[in-house]
Amino acid sequence: MAERPLTLMAVHAHPDDEATSTGGILARYAAEGITTVLVTCTDGRCGDGPGGVKPGEPKHDPAAVVAMRQAELEASCAVLRVSHLETLGYADSGMMGWPTNDQPGAFWTTPVAEAADRLAELIRQYQPDVIVTYDENGFYGHPDHIQAHRITMAAVELTDTPAKVYWTTVPRTAFEQFGQIMQELGVEWDAPAPGAEPEPMPQLGLPDDEISTWVDTSSFGAQKFDALATHASQTENIFFLQLGRERFTELMGVETFVRVRDRTDAPIPEDDLFAGLR
């Protein structure tokens, strides 16, 4: 009897998140014969509508946005060769402080235990060896990312299944390069009012020496770019697409993680999420 293939599960908040921070590993591990499972928690209704219309504007139709983003998500999964897509279907909560945070069905206000039970059922079904999600702050404070973190860690405790759990992160040294790229692309950051003190920037990512796992995905940069490009309705917010496929691949050729659960005793730093499992 053949052994069950190794399985990776990535738990993300919105359509397009799968490509942004984990497109490289989803493509790489699929190519290596590993089963890949993507769980997308929300329907993306707070994204841009056709023509870039914003949430809250008169012509923004949440139902139409949901349908459009579902199609884009399925196209992205096809590009990344994702084995199984599961959608939990909670309402996109929008950015922190938006009125949509508190609307009925919003992911942010869904009891963690309720959503964790649903995710736990998927974990039992797919038996992932590795689970990837966000850190406690959802990387940058988005309520749906924070909630995805909470339900994932709760589901891990409920099932006690995966051998390894990782949180996505970015090396702090990369943010200097990010700022330069934003300048190149003409993206303007909000400046403080005259005479006002600038607000302190939140500390995103981790110091390089605290990152446990550096996965080379450079051979799959074109796939990651193309997966991001399937989310055409959101391209105004996906700045890196402006770099073009070649430069994007040069800059995005490594995906980084912090390992928070491990039963393999694989030494760190490591260059493979499945180190110690094969």
Protein backbone atom coordinates (compact mmCIF):
# COMPACT_ATOMS: atom_id res chain seq x y z
CA MET A 1 0.00 0.00 0.00
CA ALA A 2 1.42 3.39 -1.00
CA GLU A 3 2.23 5.83 1.75
CA ARG A 4 -0.01 8.87 2.11
CA PRO A 5 1.64 11.86 0.43
CA LEU A 6 2.85 14.70 2.61
CA THR A 7 0.30 17.51 2.90
CA LEU A 8 0.60 21.28 3.32
CA MET A 9 -2.36 23.40 4.48
CA ALA A 10 -2.26 27.19 4.17
CA VAL A 11 -4.96 29.16 6.03
CA HIS A 12 -5.57 32.61 4.62
CA ALA A 13 -8.04 35.43 5.16
CA HIS A 14 -9.00 36.67 1.67
CA PRO A 15 -8.81 35.77 -1.99
CA ASP A 16 -5.32 36.93 -3.17
CA ASP A 17 -3.61 36.39 0.21
CA GLU A 18 -2.65 32.87 -0.90
CA ALA A 19 -0.50 34.25 -3.69
CA THR A 20 0.99 37.22 -1.83
CA SER A 21 2.80 35.43 0.99
CA THR A 22 2.64 31.74 0.08
CA GLY A 23 2.35 31.55 -3.69
CA GLY A 24 5.93 30.34 -3.93
CA ILE A 25 5.61 27.49 -1.47
CA LEU A 26 2.23 26.38 -2.83
CA ALA A 27 3.73 26.13 -6.31
CA ARG A 28 7.00 24.57 -5.19
CA TYR A 29 5.54 21.89 -3.00
CA ALA A 30 2.85 21.01 -5.53
CA ALA A 31 5.63 20.48 -8.07
CA GLU A 32 7.37 18.20 -5.56
CA GLY A 33 4.30 15.97 -5.32
CA ILE A 34 3.07 17.28 -1.98
CA THR A 35 -0.69 17.67 -1.55
CA THR A 36 -1.54 21.36 -1.09
CA VAL A 37 -4.69 22.56 0.62
CA LEU A 38 -5.75 26.21 0.67
CA VAL A 39 -8.36 27.38 3.17
CA THR A 40 -9.70 30.88 2.46
CA CYS A 41 -11.74 32.20 5.36
CA THR A 42 -13.64 35.18 3.89
CA ASP A 43 -15.44 36.04 0.68
CA GLY A 44 -13.48 39.21 -0.12
CA ARG A 45 -16.57 41.42 -0.37
CA CYS A 46 -14.67 44.45 0.94
CA GLY A 47 -12.30 44.41 -2.02
CA ASP A 48 -12.47 46.71 -5.02
CA GLY A 49 -15.28 46.23 -7.50
CA PRO A 50 -15.06 46.45 -11.31
CA GLY A 51 -13.34 49.62 -12.43
CA GLY A 52 -11.71 50.04 -9.02
CA VAL A 53 -14.90 51.14 -7.26
CA LYS A 54 -14.26 51.15 -3.51
CA PRO A 55 -16.31 49.63 -0.68
CA GLY A 56 -18.94 52.11 0.48
CA GLU A 57 -19.13 53.89 -2.85
CA PRO A 58 -22.55 53.90 -4.55
CA LYS A 59 -21.66 51.45 -7.33
CA HIS A 60 -19.90 48.93 -5.09
CA ASP A 61 -21.95 45.72 -5.19
CA PRO A 62 -20.66 43.30 -2.50
CA ALA A 63 -22.40 40.29 -4.03
CA ALA A 64 -20.85 40.96 -7.43
CA VAL A 65 -17.44 41.44 -5.82
CA VAL A 66 -17.78 38.09 -4.00
CA ALA A 67 -18.55 36.26 -7.26
CA MET A 68 -15.71 37.98 -9.09
CA ARG A 69 -13.17 37.28 -6.36
CA GLN A 70 -14.20 33.63 -6.08
CA ALA A 71 -13.51 33.20 -9.78
CA GLU A 72 -10.14 34.93 -9.39
CA LEU A 73 -9.29 32.70 -6.43
CA GLU A 74 -10.08 29.57 -8.42
CA ALA A 75 -7.90 30.84 -11.27
CA SER A 76 -5.04 31.52 -8.86
CA CYS A 77 -5.32 28.00 -7.45
CA ALA A 78 -5.13 26.60 -10.96
CA VAL A 79 -1.93 28.55 -11.64
CA LEU A 80 -0.37 27.38 -8.35
CA ARG A 81 -1.57 23.79 -8.89
CA VAL A 82 -3.34 23.80 -5.51
CA SER A 83 -4.74 20.33 -4.88
CA HIS A 84 -7.78 21.37 -2.82
CA LEU A 85 -9.48 24.74 -2.24
CA GLU A 86 -11.78 25.11 0.75
CA THR A 87 -13.69 28.35 1.42
CA LEU A 88 -15.27 29.04 4.80
CA GLY A 89 -17.37 31.87 3.32
CA TYR A 90 -17.37 34.35 6.21
CA ALA A 91 -18.06 37.96 5.29
CA ASP A 92 -14.92 40.05 4.71
CA SER A 93 -14.62 42.37 7.73
CA GLY A 94 -12.76 45.17 5.96
CA MET A 95 -9.93 47.12 7.54
CA MET A 96 -9.75 47.64 11.29
CA GLY A 97 -12.37 50.20 12.40
CA TRP A 98 -14.59 49.90 9.33
CA PRO A 99 -18.34 49.55 10.01
CA THR A 100 -18.17 46.18 8.23
CA ASN A 101 -16.22 44.82 11.23
CA ASP A 102 -19.49 44.45 13.11
CA GLN A 103 -21.91 43.44 10.39
CA PRO A 104 -23.74 40.11 10.77
CA GLY A 105 -21.61 37.26 9.48
CA ALA A 106 -18.35 39.23 9.56
CA PHE A 107 -15.37 37.00 10.21
CA TRP A 108 -13.99 39.39 12.84
CA THR A 109 -17.05 38.99 15.07
CA THR A 110 -17.53 35.25 14.50
CA PRO A 111 -16.80 33.33 17.72
CA VAL A 112 -13.34 31.80 17.46
CA ALA A 113 -14.59 28.45 18.75
CA GLU A 114 -17.24 28.27 16.03
CA ALA A 115 -14.86 28.94 13.16
CA ALA A 116 -12.12 26.79 14.73
CA ASP A 117 -14.50 23.83 14.83
CA ARG A 118 -15.09 24.16 11.09
CA LEU A 119 -11.36 24.42 10.37
CA ALA A 120 -10.67 21.48 12.69
CA GLU A 121 -12.97 19.34 10.55
CA LEU A 122 -10.88 20.21 7.49
CA ILE A 123 -7.69 19.39 9.38
CA ARG A 124 -9.11 16.01 10.31
CA GLN A 125 -10.14 15.45 6.71
CA TYR A 126 -6.84 16.37 5.06
CA GLN A 127 -4.39 15.42 7.87
CA PRO A 128 -1.83 18.11 7.00
CA ASP A 129 1.75 17.56 8.10
CA VAL A 130 2.46 21.30 7.89
CA ILE A 131 0.09 24.24 8.49
CA VAL A 132 0.93 27.83 7.57
CA THR A 133 -0.95 30.94 8.69
CA TYR A 134 -0.30 34.45 10.07
CA ASP A 135 1.19 35.63 13.37
CA GLU A 136 -0.85 37.06 16.28
CA ASN A 137 -1.06 40.47 14.62
CA GLY A 138 -2.10 39.06 11.26
CA PHE A 139 1.25 40.43 10.06
CA TYR A 140 -0.05 44.00 9.73
CA GLY A 141 -3.13 44.22 11.95
CA HIS A 142 -5.94 43.34 9.54
CA PRO A 143 -8.85 41.95 11.60
CA ASP A 144 -9.46 39.01 9.27
CA HIS A 145 -5.77 38.04 9.33
CA ILE A 146 -5.78 38.18 13.12
CA GLN A 147 -8.93 36.04 13.20
CA ALA A 148 -7.40 33.54 10.76
CA HIS A 149 -4.46 33.21 13.13
CA ARG A 150 -6.75 32.71 16.11
CA ILE A 151 -8.93 30.05 14.56
CA THR A 152 -5.94 28.20 13.10
CA MET A 153 -4.12 27.95 16.40
CA ALA A 154 -7.36 26.93 18.15
CA ALA A 155 -8.01 24.26 15.51
CA VAL A 156 -4.45 22.96 15.88
CA GLU A 157 -5.07 22.50 19.60
CA LEU A 158 -8.40 20.76 18.91
CA THR A 159 -6.91 18.26 16.48
CA ASP A 160 -3.27 17.88 17.61
CA THR A 161 -2.61 16.84 14.01
CA PRO A 162 0.21 18.73 12.25
CA ALA A 163 3.85 17.96 12.91
CA LYS A 164 4.83 21.55 12.13
CA VAL A 165 3.11 24.95 12.24
CA TYR A 166 4.51 28.13 10.72
CA TRP A 167 3.62 31.80 10.66
CA THR A 168 4.40 33.89 7.59
CA THR A 169 6.82 36.75 8.11
CA VAL A 170 9.22 39.09 6.33
CA PRO A 171 12.81 39.95 7.31
CA ARG A 172 13.01 43.51 8.62
CA THR A 173 15.96 44.14 6.32
CA ALA A 174 13.59 43.60 3.41
CA PHE A 175 11.49 46.61 4.41
CA GLU A 176 14.28 49.01 3.42
CA GLN A 177 14.20 47.48 -0.06
CA PHE A 178 10.39 47.63 0.01
CA GLY A 179 10.49 51.39 0.67
CA GLN A 180 12.82 51.90 -2.26
CA ILE A 181 10.54 49.90 -4.52
CA MET A 182 7.51 51.91 -3.44
CA GLN A 183 9.36 55.10 -4.34
CA GLU A 184 10.24 53.64 -7.73
CA LEU A 185 6.60 52.82 -8.33
CA GLY A 186 5.47 56.29 -7.27
CA VAL A 187 3.43 55.03 -4.33
CA GLU A 188 3.04 57.87 -1.83
CA TRP A 189 2.83 57.22 1.88
CA ASP A 190 0.59 59.46 4.00
CA ALA A 191 2.64 62.31 5.40
CA PRO A 192 1.89 63.86 8.81
CA ALA A 193 0.16 67.24 8.90
CA PRO A 194 2.48 70.28 9.11
CA GLY A 195 3.89 70.58 12.63
CA ALA A 196 2.51 67.18 13.69
CA GLU A 197 4.67 64.40 14.97
CA PRO A 198 4.77 61.41 12.64
CA GLU A 199 3.02 58.38 14.02
CA PRO A 200 5.41 55.55 14.90
CA MET A 201 5.41 52.82 12.29
CA PRO A 202 4.40 49.41 13.61
CA GLN A 203 7.18 46.85 13.75
CA LEU A 204 6.39 44.44 10.95
CA GLY A 205 8.18 41.20 10.28
CA LEU A 206 11.10 39.90 12.31
CA PRO A 207 14.82 40.50 12.69
CA ASP A 208 16.63 38.21 10.29
CA ASP A 209 18.11 36.09 13.07
CA GLU A 210 14.63 35.29 14.45
CA ILE A 211 13.39 33.85 11.17
CA SER A 212 13.55 30.08 11.34
CA THR A 213 12.80 29.12 7.76
CA TRP A 214 13.95 30.52 4.42
CA VAL A 215 12.40 28.68 1.46
CA ASP A 216 13.88 29.23 -1.99
CA THR A 217 10.95 29.63 -4.38
CA SER A 218 12.82 31.48 -7.12
CA SER A 219 12.10 28.77 -9.68
CA PHE A 220 8.39 29.42 -9.13
CA GLY A 221 8.47 33.23 -9.23
CA ALA A 222 6.67 33.37 -12.56
CA GLN A 223 3.88 31.17 -11.20
CA LYS A 224 3.54 33.38 -8.13
CA PHE A 225 3.42 36.50 -10.32
CA ASP A 226 0.81 34.93 -12.60
CA ALA A 227 -1.27 33.82 -9.59
CA LEU A 228 -1.25 37.36 -8.22
CA ALA A 229 -2.19 38.66 -11.66
CA THR A 230 -5.34 36.51 -11.70
CA HIS A 231 -6.66 38.81 -8.97
CA ALA A 232 -7.08 41.50 -11.59
CA SER A 233 -9.83 43.34 -9.70
CA GLN A 234 -7.38 44.12 -6.89
CA THR A 235 -4.33 45.12 -8.91
CA GLU A 236 -4.47 48.70 -7.61
CA ASN A 237 -3.50 47.26 -4.23
CA ILE A 238 -0.99 44.69 -5.48
CA PHE A 239 1.91 47.07 -6.09
CA PHE A 240 4.49 44.43 -6.94
CA LEU A 241 2.74 43.51 -10.18
CA GLN A 242 4.00 46.81 -11.53
CA LEU A 243 7.55 45.44 -11.37
CA GLY A 244 6.96 42.95 -14.17
CA ARG A 245 7.51 39.21 -13.98
CA GLU A 246 11.33 39.16 -14.21
CA ARG A 247 12.10 41.74 -11.53
CA PHE A 248 9.29 40.44 -9.33
CA THR A 249 10.90 36.99 -9.46
CA GLU A 250 14.29 38.43 -8.53
CA LEU A 251 12.86 40.23 -5.49
CA MET A 252 10.34 37.61 -4.34
CA GLY A 253 12.42 34.48 -4.73
CA VAL A 254 12.47 33.53 -1.04
CA GLU A 255 9.50 33.10 1.29
CA THR A 256 10.19 33.29 5.02
CA PHE A 257 8.50 31.86 8.09
CA VAL A 258 8.83 31.40 11.81
CA ARG A 259 8.34 27.87 13.08
CA VAL A 260 6.06 27.80 16.14
CA ARG A 261 5.33 24.08 16.46
CA ASP A 262 7.59 21.16 15.63
CA ARG A 263 7.70 17.44 16.31
CA THR A 264 10.62 16.66 14.03
CA ASP A 265 13.56 18.27 15.86
CA ALA A 266 14.79 19.51 12.49
CA PRO A 267 17.59 22.02 13.13
CA ILE A 268 16.98 25.69 12.43
CA PRO A 269 17.49 27.78 10.42
CA GLU A 270 16.00 25.48 7.80
CA ASP A 271 15.28 25.83 4.10
CA ASP A 272 12.34 23.44 3.82
CA LEU A 273 8.95 23.44 5.60
CA PHE A 274 9.09 19.65 5.41
CA ALA A 275 12.57 19.28 6.93
CA GLY A 276 12.50 16.30 9.25
CA LEU A 277 9.46 14.82 7.49
CA ARG A 278 11.19 13.40 4.42
